[in-house]
Amino acid sequence: MLQEFGKSFEAVASQLQPNFPEIVSGMRTLLKGSSAIPGNAVIADPKFTREFAGLVAQMAASGSEAAARCVLNTLAGTHPDWIEPAGHALTRAFPGEIPSKLGWWSSVDKYLANGGRQARSRRPLDGYAILSLADEAGSFVEALSAYAEIVDHHSDRAQDFIAIAAAFQGWRRWLTSMLSPTA
């Protein structure tokens, strides 16, 4: 998510620079400092989180349309309202254990300690846990798409998940259209 924000921010930075040079400078410094962090890592540093949130809040309060689009794009990259219903529907869609190896998306095991051995030895992960882990790693969109491809589309048990995945994709398309600058 941070990498996606960086791309969105750089796309509007030149528009923000004349009126908000301190925001641009602060955000560039923060993003440069975080560039060594792997894309699927979860940043648990409260100082970093506060600094990032403060700069995003300044952007939102600036009144700049470019800054508002950048902030909205960042919010579109988070999916808390989708995780719970999609996760529970994913659990219902797979009788038994949900597959954790998904081809190109690799595996949810990479998000677990010790390659997933500890957590999986206690009990299999449910759909909510899998999608929560994917979201924390910035891979919710990829995980939802991967499961939507492998679920049995003829199963009654999978219809909720299929509908939620389709609604999510529709929502993302709508949100993307809202983020595009008007002509």
Protein backbone atom coordinates (compact mmCIF):
# COMPACT_ATOMS: atom_id res chain seq x y z
CA MET A 1 0.00 0.00 0.00
CA LEU A 2 2.85 2.35 0.81
CA GLN A 3 4.38 1.74 -2.61
CA GLU A 4 1.05 2.47 -4.29
CA PHE A 5 0.73 5.64 -2.23
CA GLY A 6 4.23 6.65 -3.32
CA LYS A 7 3.23 6.33 -6.97
CA SER A 8 0.04 8.35 -6.42
CA PHE A 9 1.94 10.97 -4.45
CA GLU A 10 4.66 11.40 -7.06
CA ALA A 11 1.96 11.82 -9.72
CA VAL A 12 0.64 14.90 -7.88
CA ALA A 13 3.80 16.18 -6.14
CA SER A 14 4.59 18.77 -8.83
CA GLN A 15 1.07 20.19 -8.46
CA LEU A 16 1.45 20.39 -4.67
CA GLN A 17 5.01 21.79 -4.64
CA PRO A 18 4.19 25.48 -5.30
CA ASN A 19 1.64 25.81 -2.47
CA PHE A 20 2.64 23.02 -0.08
CA PRO A 21 6.43 22.55 -0.27
CA GLU A 22 6.67 21.36 3.35
CA ILE A 23 4.18 18.53 2.70
CA VAL A 24 6.03 17.48 -0.46
CA SER A 25 9.41 17.57 1.28
CA GLY A 26 8.17 15.69 4.35
CA MET A 27 6.42 13.01 2.30
CA ARG A 28 9.40 12.51 -0.01
CA THR A 29 11.71 12.14 3.00
CA LEU A 30 9.36 9.62 4.60
CA LEU A 31 8.90 7.63 1.39
CA LYS A 32 12.64 7.62 0.68
CA GLY A 33 13.30 6.30 4.20
CA SER A 34 10.78 3.51 3.70
CA SER A 35 12.00 2.45 0.25
CA ALA A 36 14.03 -0.45 1.66
CA ILE A 37 10.94 -2.01 3.30
CA PRO A 38 9.70 -5.04 1.31
CA GLY A 39 6.36 -4.52 -0.44
CA ASN A 40 4.62 -7.31 1.48
CA ALA A 41 5.87 -6.24 4.92
CA VAL A 42 3.60 -4.93 7.64
CA ILE A 43 5.03 -1.75 9.18
CA ALA A 44 4.47 -1.83 12.93
CA ASP A 45 6.45 1.30 13.85
CA PRO A 46 4.14 3.74 15.69
CA LYS A 47 6.45 6.70 14.96
CA PHE A 48 6.37 5.98 11.22
CA THR A 49 2.59 5.49 11.30
CA ARG A 50 2.04 8.80 13.14
CA GLU A 51 4.33 10.70 10.77
CA PHE A 52 2.68 9.19 7.69
CA ALA A 53 -0.83 9.81 9.06
CA GLY A 54 0.08 13.42 9.90
CA LEU A 55 1.31 14.12 6.39
CA VAL A 56 -1.73 12.46 4.81
CA ALA A 57 -3.99 14.53 7.11
CA GLN A 58 -2.19 17.70 5.98
CA MET A 59 -2.75 16.69 2.37
CA ALA A 60 -6.45 16.07 3.01
CA ALA A 61 -6.83 19.42 4.77
CA SER A 62 -4.93 21.34 2.09
CA GLY A 63 -7.95 21.83 -0.15
CA SER A 64 -5.96 20.69 -3.17
CA GLU A 65 -7.89 18.52 -5.62
CA ALA A 66 -4.68 16.68 -6.53
CA ALA A 67 -3.98 15.95 -2.86
CA ALA A 68 -7.57 14.81 -2.35
CA ARG A 69 -7.26 12.34 -5.26
CA CYS A 70 -4.01 11.00 -3.81
CA VAL A 71 -5.56 10.53 -0.35
CA LEU A 72 -8.69 8.93 -1.84
CA ASN A 73 -6.50 6.55 -3.83
CA THR A 74 -4.73 5.59 -0.59
CA LEU A 75 -8.03 4.93 1.15
CA ALA A 76 -9.11 2.81 -1.81
CA GLY A 77 -6.11 0.59 -1.14
CA THR A 78 -7.44 -0.45 2.25
CA HIS A 79 -10.23 -2.99 2.49
CA PRO A 80 -11.52 -3.37 6.07
CA ASP A 81 -15.18 -3.35 5.03
CA TRP A 82 -14.60 -6.17 2.55
CA ILE A 83 -12.41 -8.51 4.62
CA GLU A 84 -15.05 -9.88 6.98
CA PRO A 85 -17.85 -10.69 4.51
CA ALA A 86 -15.43 -11.94 1.85
CA GLY A 87 -13.53 -14.00 4.41
CA HIS A 88 -16.60 -15.72 5.79
CA ALA A 89 -17.94 -16.35 2.28
CA LEU A 90 -14.54 -17.79 1.33
CA THR A 91 -14.73 -20.19 4.28
CA ARG A 92 -18.17 -21.38 3.14
CA ALA A 93 -17.02 -21.68 -0.49
CA PHE A 94 -14.49 -24.39 0.33
CA PRO A 95 -15.79 -27.47 2.12
CA GLY A 96 -12.94 -28.55 4.34
CA GLU A 97 -9.64 -26.69 4.28
CA ILE A 98 -9.16 -23.63 2.09
CA PRO A 99 -6.26 -24.09 -0.33
CA SER A 100 -3.23 -22.05 0.69
CA LYS A 101 -1.19 -22.67 -2.47
CA LEU A 102 -2.59 -20.63 -5.33
CA GLY A 103 -0.15 -20.78 -8.19
CA TRP A 104 0.97 -17.32 -9.29
CA TRP A 105 -0.14 -15.69 -6.03
CA SER A 106 2.16 -18.19 -4.35
CA SER A 107 0.91 -18.99 -0.90
CA VAL A 108 -0.62 -17.52 2.23
CA ASP A 109 2.00 -19.47 4.16
CA LYS A 110 4.57 -16.75 3.41
CA TYR A 111 2.64 -14.39 5.69
CA LEU A 112 2.83 -16.71 8.68
CA ALA A 113 5.64 -17.26 11.15
CA ASN A 114 7.88 -20.23 10.33
CA GLY A 115 6.34 -20.60 6.89
CA GLY A 116 2.96 -21.31 8.49
CA ARG A 117 3.96 -24.47 10.34
CA GLN A 118 3.11 -23.20 13.83
CA ALA A 119 -0.26 -21.66 13.03
CA ARG A 120 -1.34 -24.46 10.72
CA SER A 121 -0.47 -27.18 13.22
CA ARG A 122 -3.12 -25.82 15.61
CA ARG A 123 -5.95 -25.54 13.10
CA PRO A 124 -6.45 -24.63 9.45
CA LEU A 125 -6.90 -20.95 8.66
CA ASP A 126 -10.38 -19.77 7.81
CA GLY A 127 -11.14 -17.37 4.98
CA TYR A 128 -11.26 -14.34 7.26
CA ALA A 129 -7.77 -15.07 8.63
CA ILE A 130 -6.36 -15.68 5.15
CA LEU A 131 -7.79 -12.47 3.70
CA SER A 132 -6.75 -10.49 6.79
CA LEU A 133 -3.18 -11.67 6.37
CA ALA A 134 -3.28 -10.82 2.67
CA ASP A 135 -4.64 -7.34 3.44
CA GLU A 136 -1.92 -6.67 6.02
CA ALA A 137 0.65 -7.58 3.40
CA GLY A 138 -0.98 -5.35 0.77
CA SER A 139 -2.15 -8.32 -1.29
CA PHE A 140 -5.90 -8.36 -0.63
CA VAL A 141 -6.81 -7.60 -4.24
CA GLU A 142 -4.53 -10.36 -5.51
CA ALA A 143 -5.78 -12.89 -2.95
CA LEU A 144 -9.45 -12.18 -3.66
CA SER A 145 -8.84 -12.48 -7.40
CA ALA A 146 -6.86 -15.69 -7.01
CA TYR A 147 -9.57 -17.36 -4.92
CA ALA A 148 -12.27 -16.10 -7.30
CA GLU A 149 -10.47 -17.93 -10.10
CA ILE A 150 -10.16 -21.28 -8.32
CA VAL A 151 -13.49 -21.49 -6.49
CA ASP A 152 -16.04 -23.90 -7.94
CA HIS A 153 -18.38 -21.54 -9.81
CA HIS A 154 -21.09 -24.22 -9.97
CA SER A 155 -21.22 -24.78 -6.22
CA ASP A 156 -24.09 -23.20 -4.30
CA ARG A 157 -21.70 -22.77 -1.35
CA ALA A 158 -19.46 -20.52 -3.45
CA GLN A 159 -22.12 -18.12 -4.77
CA ASP A 160 -21.77 -15.60 -1.90
CA PHE A 161 -18.02 -15.43 -2.38
CA ILE A 162 -18.37 -15.08 -6.15
CA ALA A 163 -20.90 -12.25 -5.69
CA ILE A 164 -18.72 -10.45 -3.12
CA ALA A 165 -15.61 -10.77 -5.31
CA ALA A 166 -17.54 -9.38 -8.31
CA ALA A 167 -18.97 -6.52 -6.22
CA PHE A 168 -15.48 -5.71 -4.93
CA GLN A 169 -14.09 -5.55 -8.46
CA GLY A 170 -17.00 -3.33 -9.51
CA TRP A 171 -16.39 -1.07 -6.53
CA ARG A 172 -12.68 -0.79 -7.44
CA ARG A 173 -13.57 0.10 -11.05
CA TRP A 174 -16.02 2.77 -9.83
CA LEU A 175 -13.50 4.16 -7.36
CA THR A 176 -10.80 4.27 -10.02
CA SER A 177 -13.14 6.22 -12.28
CA MET A 178 -13.78 8.67 -9.42
CA LEU A 179 -10.05 9.14 -8.91
CA SER A 180 -9.39 10.02 -12.53
CA PRO A 181 -9.04 13.75 -13.07
CA THR A 182 -11.95 15.23 -14.96
CA ALA A 183 -11.31 16.70 -18.37
